[in-house]
Amino acid sequence: MENLRIPGPTPVPNEVLQAMTKQMINHRGEEFGQILNEVTAKLKQLFQTKQDVFLLTGSGTGGLEAAIVNTLSPGDKVLSVAVGVFGERFAAIAEQFGAEVIPLRFEWGKAADADAVHQALQAEPKIKAVLVTHNETSTGVTNDLASISSVVKEFDKLLLVDAISSLG
């Protein structure tokens, strides 16, 4: 099997393939409920949160779509902080849903600048949310979420983060 160093698909070890040959458990049954509760509790520890954690079966793009349609309404203004392909995709999803996207693009290969995010939010007070990709795999850039989050909190806006390749 080739060893591709991309976010996915990834090689599957033989022991995992063997485990996948076993009968599936009932997703409505007690066994699944127990597993889900255990996994959710451990994810809260991993993510260092006391907030609810929701598991979503689907592609990364499906997760971004779910985030957009469950937090925004058509016509909402959003600031899209993009440093590569996946940041642009996040913006396109919001736009397809009907959000008014205000792009804040940075040179590919360079991280987003929190000061520029501050200026953009100051210039457009009706922005409801900020979209940002944490780890932009198309350009190999990791954005500084702590500094961007601090700015977004200062303006009391919603921060939607594509953390697919950094957090899962």
Foldseek 3Di string as FASTA:
>chain_A
DDQDPDLDDGDDDPVVVVVVVDDDDDCPDPVVVVVVVVVQVVLCVVVVHPDGDDDDPDDLLVVLLCVLVVPDAAAAEEEQEDQDDVSVSSQVSNVVRRYHYDYDYDHHLDADDLVVVLVVCVVPVRHAEYEEEQQHRRRRDGHDCVSNVVSCVVSPHHYDYSCPSPSD
